[in-house]
């Protein structure tokens, strides 16, 4: 097999791979649409949509405080409040 044949075959394989890559990108785009992911999360993970009252403002002191113990207490308190609110809504 001479060099021209090898170049021809490599170019042909490259063209096929580019076509396959194009197909895979289109499939990935279709599979990862936000609507589809949300529908599957609700169906299979029993997830619910986040309500505005469940959101909290960012508090940098929780993540940048010197005391890890203090951070843990703050996070525990926030989580407990959110669980209590969610329980009272159900």
N, C-alpha and C. Protein backbone atom coordinates (compact mmCIF):
# COMPACT_ATOMS: atom_id res chain seq x y z
N UNK A 1 0.86 -1.18 0.00
CA UNK A 1 0.00 0.00 0.00
C UNK A 1 0.90 1.24 0.00
N UNK A 2 0.67 2.11 -0.95
CA UNK A 2 1.52 3.29 -1.03
C UNK A 2 0.93 4.44 -0.20
N UNK A 3 1.68 5.51 -0.13
CA UNK A 3 1.32 6.63 0.73
C UNK A 3 0.02 7.30 0.30
N UNK A 4 -0.24 7.37 -1.00
CA UNK A 4 -1.48 7.99 -1.49
C UNK A 4 -2.72 7.21 -1.01
N UNK A 5 -2.62 5.89 -1.03
CA UNK A 5 -3.73 5.06 -0.55
C UNK A 5 -3.98 5.28 0.94
N UNK A 6 -2.91 5.37 1.70
CA UNK A 6 -3.04 5.59 3.15
C UNK A 6 -3.66 6.95 3.44
N UNK A 7 -3.24 7.95 2.69
CA UNK A 7 -3.81 9.30 2.87
C UNK A 7 -5.29 9.29 2.49
N UNK A 8 -5.63 8.66 1.38
CA UNK A 8 -7.02 8.57 0.94
C UNK A 8 -7.89 7.89 2.00
N UNK A 9 -7.41 6.76 2.52
CA UNK A 9 -8.17 6.03 3.55
C UNK A 9 -8.32 6.85 4.83
N UNK A 10 -7.25 7.53 5.23
CA UNK A 10 -7.31 8.35 6.44
C UNK A 10 -8.32 9.49 6.28
N UNK A 11 -8.32 10.12 5.09
CA UNK A 11 -9.28 11.20 4.84
C UNK A 11 -10.71 10.67 4.83
N UNK A 12 -10.89 9.49 4.26
CA UNK A 12 -12.22 8.87 4.22
C UNK A 12 -12.71 8.54 5.63
N UNK A 13 -11.82 7.97 6.46
CA UNK A 13 -12.18 7.64 7.84
C UNK A 13 -12.48 8.91 8.64
N UNK A 14 -11.69 9.95 8.39
CA UNK A 14 -11.92 11.22 9.07
C UNK A 14 -13.28 11.80 8.72
N UNK A 15 -13.65 11.72 7.46
CA UNK A 15 -14.96 12.21 7.02
C UNK A 15 -16.10 11.44 7.70
N UNK A 16 -15.94 10.13 7.82
CA UNK A 16 -16.95 9.30 8.49
C UNK A 16 -17.05 9.67 9.97
N UNK A 17 -15.89 9.83 10.61
CA UNK A 17 -15.89 10.20 12.03
C UNK A 17 -16.52 11.56 12.27
N UNK A 18 -16.28 12.51 11.38
CA UNK A 18 -16.90 13.83 11.52
C UNK A 18 -18.42 13.74 11.39
N UNK A 19 -18.88 12.89 10.47
CA UNK A 19 -20.33 12.70 10.31
C UNK A 19 -20.92 12.06 11.56
N UNK A 20 -20.23 11.05 12.11
CA UNK A 20 -20.70 10.41 13.34
C UNK A 20 -20.72 11.39 14.50
N UNK A 21 -19.70 12.22 14.59
CA UNK A 21 -19.61 13.22 15.65
C UNK A 21 -20.78 14.20 15.55
N UNK A 22 -21.12 14.59 14.33
CA UNK A 22 -22.25 15.50 14.11
C UNK A 22 -23.55 14.86 14.60
N UNK A 23 -23.73 13.59 14.32
CA UNK A 23 -24.93 12.87 14.76
C UNK A 23 -24.97 12.79 16.28
N UNK A 24 -23.84 12.45 16.89
CA UNK A 24 -23.79 12.34 18.35
C UNK A 24 -24.06 13.68 19.03
N UNK A 25 -23.55 14.76 18.47
CA UNK A 25 -23.81 16.09 19.05
C UNK A 25 -25.31 16.43 18.98
N UNK A 26 -25.94 16.09 17.87
CA UNK A 26 -27.38 16.34 17.74
C UNK A 26 -28.17 15.51 18.74
N UNK A 27 -27.79 14.26 18.92
CA UNK A 27 -28.46 13.40 19.90
C UNK A 27 -28.27 13.95 21.31
N UNK A 28 -27.04 14.35 21.63
CA UNK A 28 -26.75 14.89 22.96
C UNK A 28 -27.58 16.13 23.22
N UNK A 29 -27.68 17.00 22.22
CA UNK A 29 -28.46 18.23 22.37
C UNK A 29 -29.92 17.90 22.66
N UNK A 30 -30.45 16.91 21.97
CA UNK A 30 -31.85 16.52 22.17
C UNK A 30 -32.05 15.88 23.55
N UNK A 31 -31.09 15.08 23.98
CA UNK A 31 -31.23 14.37 25.26
C UNK A 31 -31.05 15.27 26.48
N UNK A 32 -30.38 16.39 26.32
CA UNK A 32 -30.06 17.23 27.47
C UNK A 32 -30.83 18.54 27.49
N UNK A 33 -31.95 18.61 26.80
CA UNK A 33 -32.75 19.83 26.87
C UNK A 33 -33.28 19.99 28.30
N UNK A 34 -33.34 21.22 28.79
CA UNK A 34 -33.82 21.44 30.16
C UNK A 34 -35.21 20.85 30.41
N UNK A 35 -36.08 20.93 29.43
CA UNK A 35 -37.43 20.40 29.60
C UNK A 35 -37.40 18.88 29.81
N UNK A 36 -36.58 18.19 29.02
CA UNK A 36 -36.49 16.73 29.13
C UNK A 36 -35.87 16.33 30.47
N UNK A 37 -34.80 17.02 30.85
CA UNK A 37 -34.14 16.70 32.11
C UNK A 37 -35.10 16.93 33.28
N UNK A 38 -35.86 18.03 33.24
CA UNK A 38 -36.82 18.31 34.31
C UNK A 38 -37.89 17.24 34.36
N UNK A 39 -38.42 16.85 33.20
CA UNK A 39 -39.47 15.83 33.15
C UNK A 39 -38.96 14.49 33.72
N UNK A 40 -37.74 14.11 33.34
CA UNK A 40 -37.17 12.85 33.83
C UNK A 40 -36.87 12.92 35.32
N UNK A 41 -36.41 14.07 35.79
CA UNK A 41 -36.12 14.23 37.22
C UNK A 41 -37.40 14.09 38.04
N UNK A 42 -38.47 14.69 37.56
CA UNK A 42 -39.74 14.60 38.27
C UNK A 42 -40.26 13.16 38.25
N UNK A 43 -40.15 12.52 37.11
CA UNK A 43 -40.68 11.16 36.95
C UNK A 43 -39.87 10.12 37.74
N UNK A 44 -38.56 10.14 37.59
CA UNK A 44 -37.73 9.07 38.15
C UNK A 44 -37.13 9.38 39.51
N UNK A 45 -36.91 10.65 39.79
CA UNK A 45 -36.29 11.01 41.06
C UNK A 45 -37.28 11.60 42.05
N UNK A 46 -38.53 11.69 41.63
CA UNK A 46 -39.60 12.25 42.48
C UNK A 46 -39.23 13.66 42.96
N UNK A 47 -38.58 14.41 42.09
CA UNK A 47 -38.18 15.77 42.45
C UNK A 47 -39.32 16.73 42.18
N UNK A 48 -39.36 17.79 42.96
CA UNK A 48 -40.36 18.83 42.79
C UNK A 48 -39.66 20.11 42.36
N UNK A 49 -40.42 20.97 41.72
CA UNK A 49 -39.86 22.25 41.30
C UNK A 49 -39.58 23.12 42.53
N UNK A 50 -38.49 23.87 42.50
CA UNK A 50 -38.13 24.74 43.61
C UNK A 50 -39.08 25.93 43.64
N UNK A 51 -39.59 26.22 44.82
CA UNK A 51 -40.46 27.37 45.00
C UNK A 51 -39.63 28.58 45.39
N UNK A 52 -40.07 29.78 45.04
CA UNK A 52 -39.30 30.98 45.37
C UNK A 52 -39.00 31.11 46.87
N UNK A 53 -39.93 30.70 47.71
CA UNK A 53 -39.71 30.85 49.15
C UNK A 53 -38.66 29.86 49.69
N UNK A 54 -38.24 28.91 48.87
CA UNK A 54 -37.20 27.97 49.28
C UNK A 54 -35.80 28.52 49.04
N UNK A 55 -35.69 29.59 48.29
CA UNK A 55 -34.39 30.16 47.97
C UNK A 55 -33.91 31.05 49.11
N UNK A 56 -32.62 31.08 49.28
CA UNK A 56 -32.00 31.91 50.31
C UNK A 56 -30.98 32.83 49.67
N UNK A 57 -30.70 33.95 50.33
CA UNK A 57 -29.66 34.84 49.84
C UNK A 57 -28.31 34.24 50.15
N UNK A 58 -27.34 34.53 49.32
CA UNK A 58 -25.98 34.04 49.52
C UNK A 58 -25.37 34.74 50.73
N UNK A 59 -24.85 33.95 51.65
CA UNK A 59 -24.19 34.48 52.85
C UNK A 59 -22.73 34.01 52.82
N UNK A 60 -21.83 34.88 52.38
CA UNK A 60 -20.43 34.45 52.25
C UNK A 60 -19.79 34.03 53.57
N UNK A 61 -20.31 34.51 54.68
CA UNK A 61 -19.71 34.15 55.97
C UNK A 61 -19.84 32.65 56.25
N UNK A 62 -20.83 32.00 55.67
CA UNK A 62 -21.01 30.56 55.88
C UNK A 62 -19.83 29.79 55.30
N UNK A 63 -19.33 30.26 54.17
CA UNK A 63 -18.28 29.53 53.48
C UNK A 63 -16.88 30.07 53.74
N UNK A 64 -16.79 31.28 54.27
CA UNK A 64 -15.47 31.90 54.42
C UNK A 64 -15.15 32.26 55.87
N UNK A 65 -15.86 31.67 56.78
CA UNK A 65 -15.61 31.93 58.19
C UNK A 65 -14.39 31.14 58.65
N UNK A 66 -13.75 31.62 59.72
CA UNK A 66 -12.57 30.94 60.25
C UNK A 66 -12.95 29.66 60.99
N UNK A 67 -14.13 29.61 61.51
CA UNK A 67 -14.53 28.48 62.34
C UNK A 67 -15.39 27.49 61.56
N UNK A 68 -14.87 26.30 61.34
CA UNK A 68 -15.64 25.26 60.64
C UNK A 68 -16.83 24.82 61.49
N UNK A 69 -16.65 24.79 62.79
CA UNK A 69 -17.74 24.38 63.69
C UNK A 69 -18.89 25.38 63.58
N UNK A 70 -18.55 26.66 63.53
CA UNK A 70 -19.56 27.70 63.40
C UNK A 70 -20.29 27.57 62.06
N UNK A 71 -19.53 27.27 60.99
CA UNK A 71 -20.14 27.08 59.67
C UNK A 71 -21.12 25.92 59.69
N UNK A 72 -20.73 24.83 60.32
CA UNK A 72 -21.58 23.66 60.39
C UNK A 72 -22.88 23.98 61.12
N UNK A 73 -22.79 24.73 62.19
CA UNK A 73 -24.00 25.12 62.94
C UNK A 73 -24.91 25.99 62.09
N UNK A 74 -24.32 26.96 61.37
CA UNK A 74 -25.13 27.83 60.51
C UNK A 74 -25.83 27.03 59.42
N UNK A 75 -25.08 26.15 58.77
CA UNK A 75 -25.67 25.34 57.71
C UNK A 75 -26.75 24.41 58.25
N UNK A 76 -26.51 23.82 59.41
CA UNK A 76 -27.50 22.94 60.03
C UNK A 76 -28.78 23.70 60.33
N UNK A 77 -28.64 24.92 60.83
CA UNK A 77 -29.80 25.75 61.15
C UNK A 77 -30.59 26.07 59.89
N UNK A 78 -29.89 26.46 58.84
CA UNK A 78 -30.57 26.80 57.57
C UNK A 78 -31.30 25.58 57.01
N UNK A 79 -30.64 24.44 57.03
CA UNK A 79 -31.27 23.21 56.51
C UNK A 79 -32.48 22.83 57.36
N UNK A 80 -32.36 22.94 58.66
CA UNK A 80 -33.49 22.62 59.55
C UNK A 80 -34.67 23.53 59.27
N UNK A 81 -34.40 24.82 59.06
CA UNK A 81 -35.48 25.76 58.74
C UNK A 81 -36.15 25.41 57.44
N UNK A 82 -35.34 25.04 56.45
CA UNK A 82 -35.92 24.70 55.15
C UNK A 82 -36.74 23.43 55.22
N UNK A 83 -36.28 22.45 55.97
CA UNK A 83 -37.03 21.19 56.13
C UNK A 83 -38.34 21.47 56.87
N UNK A 84 -38.29 22.30 57.91
CA UNK A 84 -39.50 22.63 58.66
C UNK A 84 -40.52 23.35 57.78
N UNK A 85 -40.02 24.29 56.95
CA UNK A 85 -40.93 25.00 56.04
C UNK A 85 -41.54 24.06 55.01
N UNK A 86 -40.73 23.16 54.49
CA UNK A 86 -41.23 22.22 53.48
C UNK A 86 -42.25 21.28 54.10
N UNK A 87 -42.02 20.85 55.33
CA UNK A 87 -42.95 19.95 56.02
C UNK A 87 -44.28 20.63 56.30
N UNK A 88 -44.22 21.91 56.64
CA UNK A 88 -45.46 22.63 56.94
C UNK A 88 -46.27 22.91 55.69
N UNK A 89 -45.63 22.91 54.52
CA UNK A 89 -46.33 23.14 53.26
C UNK A 89 -47.05 21.90 52.76
N UNK A 90 -46.56 20.72 53.12
CA UNK A 90 -47.16 19.46 52.64
C UNK A 90 -48.38 19.16 53.43
